[in-house]
């Protein structure tokens, strides 16, 4: 089972020495109407995407929009919980942050109807524990919604004989294998699971979680790694970054992610002035985040869509 989704990103300004909770000079007070309009637009585009996934065509039959409700509600719940996980951790530690900005994307050009969501942190994070909590809060919150969605979605899915030309072949992360075995048991040879749109939305949530937990720059995993190992995060980030190049040969989406990495940088911004060691609970959560990454990550989310296949198609 597979699908694609861009990573969520929490944007942080360069760390300064201002006390936590004090907005960085130069930032304007955000207008909540912008958040509301973007959210409503994303509701519309994800409804369209869900309708297409369920075999409808809302551009021809407007009533088909209703078919997109299960997918749209599930996906927006996962995205929203992920971003509000960051937001409420910011509130807990007195760090000024905006509400989530959802990013609509018109299907069928973007099959899931959105490019995710971001929040903007408007104050420096100078506390090591706050940095960890803000980084870990999003992936954990999103996964709490994604896992039940996958159980519910798979219960609504069907086992059919494999038709190589009839469906996309999706990557199968470890956690998806486990849940599929619980729901369906052993799948006969020559058959596969044709997942519902709800299960697909949950699958997208797994991809998003794995992408964000990469220990690079200002991704969630970069925050967590920097809070745990400090400046040594840079070495880990470079190793992971270089490993993406061979993966791009088998899934072209990694090439886009490599480009994004150049924008967000590999090295995490420095400036944490309170390097108080993390307590045992946070260290355990750090290990849990590593486990979450391992069970959600898949090297090839979409089979047959690597740079090798794309190049060979032209020759």
C-alpha atoms as a PDB file:
ATOM      1  CA  UNK A   1       0.000   0.000   0.000  1.00  0.00           C
ATOM      2  CA  UNK A   2       1.403   3.371  -0.925  1.00  0.00           C
ATOM      3  CA  UNK A   3       0.897   7.079  -1.472  1.00  0.00           C
ATOM      4  CA  UNK A   4       2.735  10.364  -1.413  1.00  0.00           C
ATOM      5  CA  UNK A   5       2.605  13.461   0.702  1.00  0.00           C
ATOM      6  CA  UNK A   6       4.804  16.469   1.318  1.00  0.00           C
ATOM      7  CA  UNK A   7       6.280  16.869   4.748  1.00  0.00           C
ATOM      8  CA  UNK A   8       4.828  19.252   7.318  1.00  0.00           C
ATOM      9  CA  UNK A   9       7.340  21.781   8.475  1.00  0.00           C
ATOM     10  CA  UNK A  10       7.440  23.981  11.499  1.00  0.00           C
ATOM     11  CA  UNK A  11       9.300  27.145  10.577  1.00  0.00           C
ATOM     12  CA  UNK A  12      11.630  28.583  13.181  1.00  0.00           C
ATOM     13  CA  UNK A  13      13.453  31.890  13.053  1.00  0.00           C
ATOM     14  CA  UNK A  14      17.158  31.943  13.768  1.00  0.00           C
ATOM     15  CA  UNK A  15      17.572  31.557  17.484  1.00  0.00           C
ATOM     16  CA  UNK A  16      18.392  34.733  19.352  1.00  0.00           C
ATOM     17  CA  UNK A  17      18.868  35.497  23.012  1.00  0.00           C
ATOM     18  CA  UNK A  18      15.446  37.072  23.707  1.00  0.00           C
ATOM     19  CA  UNK A  19      13.432  35.472  26.517  1.00  0.00           C
ATOM     20  CA  UNK A  20      10.986  32.758  25.369  1.00  0.00           C
ATOM     21  CA  UNK A  21       7.560  34.070  24.543  1.00  0.00           C
ATOM     22  CA  UNK A  22       8.744  37.453  23.238  1.00  0.00           C
ATOM     23  CA  UNK A  23       8.061  37.746  19.487  1.00  0.00           C
ATOM     24  CA  UNK A  24      11.064  38.398  17.277  1.00  0.00           C
ATOM     25  CA  UNK A  25      11.080  42.063  16.121  1.00  0.00           C
ATOM     26  CA  UNK A  26       9.841  42.506  12.558  1.00  0.00           C
ATOM     27  CA  UNK A  27       7.010  39.980  12.734  1.00  0.00           C
ATOM     28  CA  UNK A  28       3.523  41.390  12.267  1.00  0.00           C
ATOM     29  CA  UNK A  29       0.642  40.158  14.359  1.00  0.00           C
ATOM     30  CA  UNK A  30      -0.915  37.367  12.295  1.00  0.00           C
ATOM     31  CA  UNK A  31      -4.417  37.798  10.942  1.00  0.00           C
ATOM     32  CA  UNK A  32      -6.558  34.771  11.891  1.00  0.00           C
ATOM     33  CA  UNK A  33      -8.769  35.339   8.853  1.00  0.00           C
ATOM     34  CA  UNK A  34      -5.877  34.191   6.686  1.00  0.00           C
ATOM     35  CA  UNK A  35      -5.745  30.890   8.599  1.00  0.00           C
ATOM     36  CA  UNK A  36      -9.511  30.467   8.282  1.00  0.00           C
ATOM     37  CA  UNK A  37      -9.603  31.182   4.541  1.00  0.00           C
ATOM     38  CA  UNK A  38      -6.704  28.822   3.832  1.00  0.00           C
ATOM     39  CA  UNK A  39      -8.340  26.105   5.928  1.00  0.00           C
ATOM     40  CA  UNK A  40     -11.663  26.467   4.089  1.00  0.00           C
ATOM     41  CA  UNK A  41      -9.887  26.356   0.731  1.00  0.00           C
ATOM     42  CA  UNK A  42      -8.047  23.212   1.854  1.00  0.00           C
ATOM     43  CA  UNK A  43     -11.358  21.660   2.903  1.00  0.00           C
ATOM     44  CA  UNK A  44     -12.592  22.251  -0.661  1.00  0.00           C
ATOM     45  CA  UNK A  45      -9.501  20.848  -2.376  1.00  0.00           C
ATOM     46  CA  UNK A  46      -9.309  17.758  -0.141  1.00  0.00           C
ATOM     47  CA  UNK A  47     -13.008  17.113  -0.755  1.00  0.00           C
ATOM     48  CA  UNK A  48     -12.295  17.169  -4.487  1.00  0.00           C
ATOM     49  CA  UNK A  49      -9.295  14.883  -4.016  1.00  0.00           C
ATOM     50  CA  UNK A  50     -11.304  12.431  -1.927  1.00  0.00           C
ATOM     51  CA  UNK A  51     -14.046  12.360  -4.523  1.00  0.00           C
ATOM     52  CA  UNK A  52     -11.554  11.463  -7.273  1.00  0.00           C
ATOM     53  CA  UNK A  53     -10.056   8.740  -5.058  1.00  0.00           C
ATOM     54  CA  UNK A  54     -13.530   7.240  -4.595  1.00  0.00           C
ATOM     55  CA  UNK A  55     -14.114   7.184  -8.350  1.00  0.00           C
ATOM     56  CA  UNK A  56     -16.193  10.361  -8.547  1.00  0.00           C
ATOM     57  CA  UNK A  57     -15.725  13.385 -10.751  1.00  0.00           C
ATOM     58  CA  UNK A  58     -17.036  16.518  -9.016  1.00  0.00           C
ATOM     59  CA  UNK A  59     -16.107  18.655 -12.021  1.00  0.00           C
ATOM     60  CA  UNK A  60     -18.782  16.775 -13.982  1.00  0.00           C
ATOM     61  CA  UNK A  61     -21.224  15.761 -11.230  1.00  0.00           C
ATOM     62  CA  UNK A  62     -21.248  18.212  -8.347  1.00  0.00           C
ATOM     63  CA  UNK A  63     -22.981  15.667  -6.075  1.00  0.00           C
ATOM     64  CA  UNK A  64     -19.817  13.552  -6.196  1.00  0.00           C
ATOM     65  CA  UNK A  65     -18.199  16.028  -3.800  1.00  0.00           C
ATOM     66  CA  UNK A  66     -19.913  14.155  -0.953  1.00  0.00           C
ATOM     67  CA  UNK A  67     -17.824  11.080  -1.791  1.00  0.00           C
ATOM     68  CA  UNK A  68     -14.751  13.014  -0.681  1.00  0.00           C
ATOM     69  CA  UNK A  69     -15.921  13.580   2.897  1.00  0.00           C
ATOM     70  CA  UNK A  70     -14.292  10.486   4.498  1.00  0.00           C
ATOM     71  CA  UNK A  71     -10.908  11.248   2.986  1.00  0.00           C
ATOM     72  CA  UNK A  72     -11.020  14.996   3.642  1.00  0.00           C
ATOM     73  CA  UNK A  73     -12.127  14.672   7.263  1.00  0.00           C
ATOM     74  CA  UNK A  74      -9.508  12.023   8.014  1.00  0.00           C
ATOM     75  CA  UNK A  75      -6.617  13.785   6.333  1.00  0.00           C
ATOM     76  CA  UNK A  76      -7.408  17.198   7.810  1.00  0.00           C
ATOM     77  CA  UNK A  77      -7.754  15.635  11.261  1.00  0.00           C
ATOM     78  CA  UNK A  78      -4.271  14.122  10.953  1.00  0.00           C
ATOM     79  CA  UNK A  79      -2.722  17.316   9.624  1.00  0.00           C
ATOM     80  CA  UNK A  80      -4.539  19.454  12.168  1.00  0.00           C
ATOM     81  CA  UNK A  81      -3.534  17.314  15.136  1.00  0.00           C
ATOM     82  CA  UNK A  82       0.067  17.301  13.921  1.00  0.00           C
ATOM     83  CA  UNK A  83       0.246  21.072  13.711  1.00  0.00           C
ATOM     84  CA  UNK A  84      -1.738  21.720  16.886  1.00  0.00           C
ATOM     85  CA  UNK A  85       0.641  19.333  18.638  1.00  0.00           C
ATOM     86  CA  UNK A  86       3.369  21.868  17.856  1.00  0.00           C
ATOM     87  CA  UNK A  87       1.112  24.807  18.657  1.00  0.00           C
ATOM     88  CA  UNK A  88       0.065  23.631  22.124  1.00  0.00           C
ATOM     89  CA  UNK A  89       3.645  22.715  23.025  1.00  0.00           C
ATOM     90  CA  UNK A  90       4.596  26.276  22.085  1.00  0.00           C
ATOM     91  CA  UNK A  91       1.834  27.554  24.368  1.00  0.00           C
ATOM     92  CA  UNK A  92       2.995  25.272  27.174  1.00  0.00           C
ATOM     93  CA  UNK A  93       6.510  26.737  27.040  1.00  0.00           C
ATOM     94  CA  UNK A  94       5.456  30.339  26.453  1.00  0.00           C
ATOM     95  CA  UNK A  95       6.771  30.481  22.888  1.00  0.00           C
ATOM     96  CA  UNK A  96       4.760  32.774  20.594  1.00  0.00           C
ATOM     97  CA  UNK A  97       3.442  30.909  17.546  1.00  0.00           C
ATOM     98  CA  UNK A  98       0.771  31.323  14.887  1.00  0.00           C
ATOM     99  CA  UNK A  99      -2.189  29.080  14.286  1.00  0.00           C
ATOM    100  CA  UNK A 100      -1.657  26.511  11.492  1.00  0.00           C
ATOM    101  CA  UNK A 101      -1.592  27.703   7.896  1.00  0.00           C
ATOM    102  CA  UNK A 102      -3.142  24.988   5.722  1.00  0.00           C
ATOM    103  CA  UNK A 103      -1.920  24.866   2.121  1.00  0.00           C
ATOM    104  CA  UNK A 104      -4.528  23.942  -0.509  1.00  0.00           C
ATOM    105  CA  UNK A 105      -3.516  22.258  -3.766  1.00  0.00           C
ATOM    106  CA  UNK A 106      -5.881  21.649  -6.653  1.00  0.00           C
ATOM    107  CA  UNK A 107      -6.535  18.019  -7.615  1.00  0.00           C
ATOM    108  CA  UNK A 108      -6.085  16.038  -9.758  1.00  0.00           C
ATOM    109  CA  UNK A 109      -2.686  17.725 -10.183  1.00  0.00           C
ATOM    110  CA  UNK A 110      -2.064  17.085  -6.467  1.00  0.00           C
ATOM    111  CA  UNK A 111      -3.774  13.824  -5.641  1.00  0.00           C
ATOM    112  CA  UNK A 112      -4.397  14.562  -1.958  1.00  0.00           C
ATOM    113  CA  UNK A 113      -5.576  18.138  -2.391  1.00  0.00           C
ATOM    114  CA  UNK A 114      -3.097  19.804  -0.067  1.00  0.00           C
ATOM    115  CA  UNK A 115       0.584  20.493   0.458  1.00  0.00           C
ATOM    116  CA  UNK A 116       0.216  20.116   4.202  1.00  0.00           C
ATOM    117  CA  UNK A 117       0.291  22.828   6.826  1.00  0.00           C
ATOM    118  CA  UNK A 118       2.819  24.896   8.740  1.00  0.00           C
ATOM    119  CA  UNK A 119       2.956  27.063  11.817  1.00  0.00           C
ATOM    120  CA  UNK A 120       5.301  29.963  12.284  1.00  0.00           C
ATOM    121  CA  UNK A 121       7.133  30.241  15.569  1.00  0.00           C
ATOM    122  CA  UNK A 122       7.459  33.945  16.271  1.00  0.00           C
ATOM    123  CA  UNK A 123       9.868  33.832  19.197  1.00  0.00           C
ATOM    124  CA  UNK A 124      13.284  32.279  19.807  1.00  0.00           C
ATOM    125  CA  UNK A 125      13.458  28.910  21.515  1.00  0.00           C
ATOM    126  CA  UNK A 126      16.290  29.068  24.020  1.00  0.00           C
ATOM    127  CA  UNK A 127      15.302  26.117  26.222  1.00  0.00           C
ATOM    128  CA  UNK A 128      16.485  22.638  25.311  1.00  0.00           C
ATOM    129  CA  UNK A 129      13.441  20.919  26.787  1.00  0.00           C
ATOM    130  CA  UNK A 130      11.053  23.288  25.032  1.00  0.00           C
ATOM    131  CA  UNK A 131      12.760  22.558  21.709  1.00  0.00           C
ATOM    132  CA  UNK A 132      12.321  18.828  22.236  1.00  0.00           C
ATOM    133  CA  UNK A 133       8.670  19.108  23.256  1.00  0.00           C
ATOM    134  CA  UNK A 134       7.785  21.361  20.328  1.00  0.00           C
ATOM    135  CA  UNK A 135       9.545  19.060  17.860  1.00  0.00           C
ATOM    136  CA  UNK A 136       8.068  15.812  19.205  1.00  0.00           C
ATOM    137  CA  UNK A 137       4.562  17.115  19.846  1.00  0.00           C
ATOM    138  CA  UNK A 138       3.534  17.190  16.181  1.00  0.00           C
ATOM    139  CA  UNK A 139       4.493  13.695  14.992  1.00  0.00           C
ATOM    140  CA  UNK A 140       3.141  12.004  18.105  1.00  0.00           C
ATOM    141  CA  UNK A 141      -0.180  13.873  17.953  1.00  0.00           C
ATOM    142  CA  UNK A 142      -0.608  13.169  14.242  1.00  0.00           C
ATOM    143  CA  UNK A 143       0.190   9.489  14.641  1.00  0.00           C
ATOM    144  CA  UNK A 144      -2.382   9.130  17.430  1.00  0.00           C
ATOM    145  CA  UNK A 145      -5.018  10.009  14.815  1.00  0.00           C
ATOM    146  CA  UNK A 146      -3.427   8.195  11.862  1.00  0.00           C
ATOM    147  CA  UNK A 147      -3.304   4.735  13.484  1.00  0.00           C
ATOM    148  CA  UNK A 148      -7.041   4.500  14.323  1.00  0.00           C
ATOM    149  CA  UNK A 149      -7.783   5.894  10.854  1.00  0.00           C
ATOM    150  CA  UNK A 150      -5.819   3.041   9.293  1.00  0.00           C
ATOM    151  CA  UNK A 151      -7.674   0.436  11.371  1.00  0.00           C
ATOM    152  CA  UNK A 152     -11.046   1.922  10.390  1.00  0.00           C
ATOM    153  CA  UNK A 153     -10.010   2.411   6.776  1.00  0.00           C
ATOM    154  CA  UNK A 154      -8.656  -1.104   6.348  1.00  0.00           C
ATOM    155  CA  UNK A 155     -11.865  -2.519   7.815  1.00  0.00           C
ATOM    156  CA  UNK A 156     -13.607  -0.747   4.929  1.00  0.00           C
ATOM    157  CA  UNK A 157     -11.084  -1.969   2.338  1.00  0.00           C
ATOM    158  CA  UNK A 158     -11.235  -5.039   0.113  1.00  0.00           C
ATOM    159  CA  UNK A 159      -8.933  -7.892  -0.804  1.00  0.00           C
ATOM    160  CA  UNK A 160      -8.890  -8.380  -4.558  1.00  0.00           C
ATOM    161  CA  UNK A 161      -6.849 -10.230  -7.135  1.00  0.00           C
ATOM    162  CA  UNK A 162      -3.867  -8.124  -8.168  1.00  0.00           C
ATOM    163  CA  UNK A 163      -4.354  -6.200 -11.406  1.00  0.00           C
ATOM    164  CA  UNK A 164      -0.924  -4.738 -12.345  1.00  0.00           C
ATOM    165  CA  UNK A 165      -2.523  -2.135 -14.610  1.00  0.00           C
ATOM    166  CA  UNK A 166      -5.459  -1.290 -12.394  1.00  0.00           C
ATOM    167  CA  UNK A 167      -4.015   0.398  -9.291  1.00  0.00           C
ATOM    168  CA  UNK A 168      -0.994   2.110  -7.840  1.00  0.00           C
ATOM    169  CA  UNK A 169       1.465  -0.035  -5.958  1.00  0.00           C
ATOM    170  CA  UNK A 170       2.175   1.625  -2.640  1.00  0.00           C
ATOM    171  CA  UNK A 171       5.011   1.258  -0.176  1.00  0.00           C
ATOM    172  CA  UNK A 172       4.294  -0.843   2.872  1.00  0.00           C
ATOM    173  CA  UNK A 173       5.823   0.532   6.094  1.00  0.00           C
ATOM    174  CA  UNK A 174       6.232  -1.826   9.037  1.00  0.00           C
ATOM    175  CA  UNK A 175       3.305  -0.408  10.982  1.00  0.00           C
ATOM    176  CA  UNK A 176       1.020  -0.837   7.951  1.00  0.00           C
ATOM    177  CA  UNK A 177       2.078  -4.481   7.654  1.00  0.00           C
ATOM    178  CA  UNK A 178       1.267  -5.055  11.323  1.00  0.00           C
ATOM    179  CA  UNK A 179      -2.163  -3.426  11.161  1.00  0.00           C
ATOM    180  CA  UNK A 180      -2.985  -5.225   7.888  1.00  0.00           C
ATOM    181  CA  UNK A 181      -2.132  -8.575   9.479  1.00  0.00           C
ATOM    182  CA  UNK A 182      -4.347  -7.772  12.480  1.00  0.00           C
ATOM    183  CA  UNK A 183      -7.301  -6.761  10.284  1.00  0.00           C
ATOM    184  CA  UNK A 184      -7.024  -9.310   7.446  1.00  0.00           C
ATOM    185  CA  UNK A 185      -4.708 -12.052   8.611  1.00  0.00           C
ATOM    186  CA  UNK A 186      -2.799 -13.898   5.904  1.00  0.00           C
ATOM    187  CA  UNK A 187      -3.468 -12.569   2.396  1.00  0.00           C
ATOM    188  CA  UNK A 188      -3.594 -15.251  -0.339  1.00  0.00           C
ATOM    189  CA  UNK A 189      -0.925 -15.332  -3.032  1.00  0.00           C
ATOM    190  CA  UNK A 190      -1.841 -13.155  -6.001  1.00  0.00           C
ATOM    191  CA  UNK A 191      -4.164 -10.946  -3.984  1.00  0.00           C
ATOM    192  CA  UNK A 192      -3.653  -7.587  -2.300  1.00  0.00           C
ATOM    193  CA  UNK A 193      -5.497  -4.991  -0.248  1.00  0.00           C
ATOM    194  CA  UNK A 194      -7.275  -2.275  -2.212  1.00  0.00           C
ATOM    195  CA  UNK A 195      -7.414   0.377   0.470  1.00  0.00           C
ATOM    196  CA  UNK A 196     -10.272   2.781   1.091  1.00  0.00           C
ATOM    197  CA  UNK A 197      -9.770   6.526   1.010  1.00  0.00           C
ATOM    198  CA  UNK A 198      -9.759   6.623   4.833  1.00  0.00           C
ATOM    199  CA  UNK A 199      -6.960   4.073   4.971  1.00  0.00           C
ATOM    200  CA  UNK A 200      -5.138   6.027   2.309  1.00  0.00           C
ATOM    201  CA  UNK A 201      -5.399   9.213   4.377  1.00  0.00           C
ATOM    202  CA  UNK A 202      -3.926   7.286   7.316  1.00  0.00           C
ATOM    203  CA  UNK A 203      -1.163   5.999   5.059  1.00  0.00           C
ATOM    204  CA  UNK A 204      -0.396   9.575   4.041  1.00  0.00           C
ATOM    205  CA  UNK A 205      -0.157  10.407   7.747  1.00  0.00           C
ATOM    206  CA  UNK A 206       2.536   7.741   8.165  1.00  0.00           C
ATOM    207  CA  UNK A 207       4.551   9.194   5.288  1.00  0.00           C
ATOM    208  CA  UNK A 208       4.245  12.685   6.699  1.00  0.00           C
ATOM    209  CA  UNK A 209       5.365  11.482  10.114  1.00  0.00           C
ATOM    210  CA  UNK A 210       8.418   9.712   8.703  1.00  0.00           C
ATOM    211  CA  UNK A 211       9.438  12.685   6.557  1.00  0.00           C
ATOM    212  CA  UNK A 212       9.192  15.061   9.457  1.00  0.00           C
ATOM    213  CA  UNK A 213      11.222  12.840  11.757  1.00  0.00           C
ATOM    214  CA  UNK A 214      14.249  12.937   9.486  1.00  0.00           C
ATOM    215  CA  UNK A 215      16.975  14.555  11.662  1.00  0.00           C
ATOM    216  CA  UNK A 216      17.520  17.431   9.251  1.00  0.00           C
ATOM    217  CA  UNK A 217      17.515  21.178   9.853  1.00  0.00           C
ATOM    218  CA  UNK A 218      14.230  22.577  11.077  1.00  0.00           C
ATOM    219  CA  UNK A 219      12.184  19.452  10.497  1.00  0.00           C
ATOM    220  CA  UNK A 220      10.698  17.931  13.626  1.00  0.00           C
ATOM    221  CA  UNK A 221      13.422  15.305  13.661  1.00  0.00           C
ATOM    222  CA  UNK A 222      16.048  18.044  13.474  1.00  0.00           C
ATOM    223  CA  UNK A 223      14.604  19.706  16.573  1.00  0.00           C
ATOM    224  CA  UNK A 224      14.503  16.405  18.455  1.00  0.00           C
ATOM    225  CA  UNK A 225      18.029  15.410  17.419  1.00  0.00           C
ATOM    226  CA  UNK A 226      19.463  18.810  18.369  1.00  0.00           C
ATOM    227  CA  UNK A 227      17.757  18.669  21.759  1.00  0.00           C
ATOM    228  CA  UNK A 228      19.182  15.182  22.351  1.00  0.00           C
ATOM    229  CA  UNK A 229      22.719  15.392  20.961  1.00  0.00           C
ATOM    230  CA  UNK A 230      23.344  19.102  20.375  1.00  0.00           C
ATOM    231  CA  UNK A 231      25.647  20.156  17.544  1.00  0.00           C
ATOM    232  CA  UNK A 232      26.333  16.534  16.651  1.00  0.00           C
ATOM    233  CA  UNK A 233      22.946  16.682  14.936  1.00  0.00           C
ATOM    234  CA  UNK A 234      24.739  18.205  11.950  1.00  0.00           C
ATOM    235  CA  UNK A 235      26.755  15.042  11.315  1.00  0.00           C
ATOM    236  CA  UNK A 236      23.645  12.891  11.577  1.00  0.00           C
ATOM    237  CA  UNK A 237      21.794  15.268   9.274  1.00  0.00           C
ATOM    238  CA  UNK A 238      24.492  15.129   6.604  1.00  0.00           C
ATOM    239  CA  UNK A 239      24.583  11.320   6.705  1.00  0.00           C
ATOM    240  CA  UNK A 240      20.817  11.119   6.273  1.00  0.00           C
ATOM    241  CA  UNK A 241      20.869  13.779   3.558  1.00  0.00           C
ATOM    242  CA  UNK A 242      23.485  11.920   1.504  1.00  0.00           C
ATOM    243  CA  UNK A 243      21.503   8.698   1.824  1.00  0.00           C
ATOM    244  CA  UNK A 244      18.595  10.354   0.018  1.00  0.00           C
ATOM    245  CA  UNK A 245      20.509  10.531  -3.286  1.00  0.00           C
ATOM    246  CA  UNK A 246      20.518   6.773  -4.008  1.00  0.00           C
ATOM    247  CA  UNK A 247      16.910   6.548  -2.799  1.00  0.00           C
ATOM    248  CA  UNK A 248      15.920   9.139  -5.420  1.00  0.00           C
ATOM    249  CA  UNK A 249      16.915   6.635  -8.103  1.00  0.00           C
ATOM    250  CA  UNK A 250      13.963   4.495  -7.025  1.00  0.00           C
ATOM    251  CA  UNK A 251      11.464   7.217  -6.071  1.00  0.00           C
ATOM    252  CA  UNK A 252      11.719  10.652  -7.659  1.00  0.00           C
ATOM    253  CA  UNK A 253       9.970  12.286  -4.717  1.00  0.00           C
ATOM    254  CA  UNK A 254      13.244  12.103  -2.804  1.00  0.00           C
ATOM    255  CA  UNK A 255      14.782  14.423  -5.400  1.00  0.00           C
ATOM    256  CA  UNK A 256      12.159  17.031  -4.519  1.00  0.00           C
ATOM    257  CA  UNK A 257      12.877  16.480  -0.836  1.00  0.00           C
ATOM    258  CA  UNK A 258      16.588  16.995  -1.489  1.00  0.00           C
ATOM    259  CA  UNK A 259      15.714  20.351  -3.034  1.00  0.00           C
ATOM    260  CA  UNK A 260      13.587  21.250   0.005  1.00  0.00           C
ATOM    261  CA  UNK A 261      16.483  20.303   2.264  1.00  0.00           C
ATOM    262  CA  UNK A 262      18.666  22.925   0.585  1.00  0.00           C
ATOM    263  CA  UNK A 263      16.031  25.502   1.522  1.00  0.00           C
ATOM    264  CA  UNK A 264      15.633  24.493   5.167  1.00  0.00           C
ATOM    265  CA  UNK A 265      19.331  23.624   5.612  1.00  0.00           C
ATOM    266  CA  UNK A 266      20.794  20.460   7.061  1.00  0.00           C
ATOM    267  CA  UNK A 267      22.359  21.936  10.175  1.00  0.00           C
ATOM    268  CA  UNK A 268      19.929  22.911  12.929  1.00  0.00           C
ATOM    269  CA  UNK A 269      20.089  26.600  13.946  1.00  0.00           C
ATOM    270  CA  UNK A 270      22.191  27.145  17.046  1.00  0.00           C
ATOM    271  CA  UNK A 271      21.302  29.431  19.908  1.00  0.00           C
ATOM    272  CA  UNK A 272      19.929  27.233  22.672  1.00  0.00           C
ATOM    273  CA  UNK A 273      21.170  29.069  25.752  1.00  0.00           C
ATOM    274  CA  UNK A 274      19.677  26.656  28.285  1.00  0.00           C
ATOM    275  CA  UNK A 275      21.260  23.277  27.554  1.00  0.00           C
ATOM    276  CA  UNK A 276      19.848  21.588  30.630  1.00  0.00           C
ATOM    277  CA  UNK A 277      20.027  17.811  30.019  1.00  0.00           C
ATOM    278  CA  UNK A 278      16.771  16.183  29.047  1.00  0.00           C
ATOM    279  CA  UNK A 279      15.054  14.216  31.776  1.00  0.00           C
ATOM    280  CA  UNK A 280      14.452  10.472  31.579  1.00  0.00           C
ATOM    281  CA  UNK A 281      10.887  10.875  30.311  1.00  0.00           C
ATOM    282  CA  UNK A 282      12.009  12.971  27.348  1.00  0.00           C
ATOM    283  CA  UNK A 283      14.854  10.587  26.574  1.00  0.00           C
ATOM    284  CA  UNK A 284      12.326   7.748  26.466  1.00  0.00           C
ATOM    285  CA  UNK A 285      10.140   9.828  24.162  1.00  0.00           C
ATOM    286  CA  UNK A 286      13.217  10.435  22.009  1.00  0.00           C
ATOM    287  CA  UNK A 287      13.677   6.677  21.641  1.00  0.00           C
ATOM    288  CA  UNK A 288       9.962   6.368  20.908  1.00  0.00           C
ATOM    289  CA  UNK A 289      10.296   8.944  18.108  1.00  0.00           C
ATOM    290  CA  UNK A 290      13.132   6.874  16.631  1.00  0.00           C
ATOM    291  CA  UNK A 291      10.913   3.774  16.744  1.00  0.00           C
ATOM    292  CA  UNK A 292       8.043   5.724  15.162  1.00  0.00           C
ATOM    293  CA  UNK A 293      10.338   6.800  12.347  1.00  0.00           C
ATOM    294  CA  UNK A 294      11.504   3.221  11.796  1.00  0.00           C
ATOM    295  CA  UNK A 295       7.993   1.755  11.571  1.00  0.00           C
ATOM    296  CA  UNK A 296       6.599   4.588   9.400  1.00  0.00           C
ATOM    297  CA  UNK A 297       9.493   5.062   6.979  1.00  0.00           C
ATOM    298  CA  UNK A 298       9.520   3.481   3.532  1.00  0.00           C
ATOM    299  CA  UNK A 299      12.369   3.913   1.037  1.00  0.00           C
ATOM    300  CA  UNK A 300      10.056   3.712  -1.991  1.00  0.00           C
ATOM    301  CA  UNK A 301       6.542   5.063  -1.329  1.00  0.00           C
ATOM    302  CA  UNK A 302       5.506   4.593  -4.973  1.00  0.00           C
ATOM    303  CA  UNK A 303       6.933   1.746  -6.984  1.00  0.00           C
ATOM    304  CA  UNK A 304       7.944   2.428 -10.579  1.00  0.00           C
ATOM    305  CA  UNK A 305       8.347   6.183 -10.074  1.00  0.00           C
ATOM    306  CA  UNK A 306      12.094   6.484  -9.599  1.00  0.00           C
ATOM    307  CA  UNK A 307      14.528   8.571 -11.595  1.00  0.00           C
ATOM    308  CA  UNK A 308      15.738   5.376 -13.279  1.00  0.00           C
ATOM    309  CA  UNK A 309      12.223   4.598 -14.553  1.00  0.00           C
ATOM    310  CA  UNK A 310      11.539   8.210 -15.550  1.00  0.00           C
ATOM    311  CA  UNK A 311      14.763   8.447 -17.559  1.00  0.00           C
ATOM    312  CA  UNK A 312      14.249   5.070 -19.207  1.00  0.00           C
ATOM    313  CA  UNK A 313      10.757   6.151 -20.299  1.00  0.00           C
ATOM    314  CA  UNK A 314      12.357   8.750 -22.601  1.00  0.00           C
ATOM    315  CA  UNK A 315      14.890   6.390 -24.176  1.00  0.00           C
END
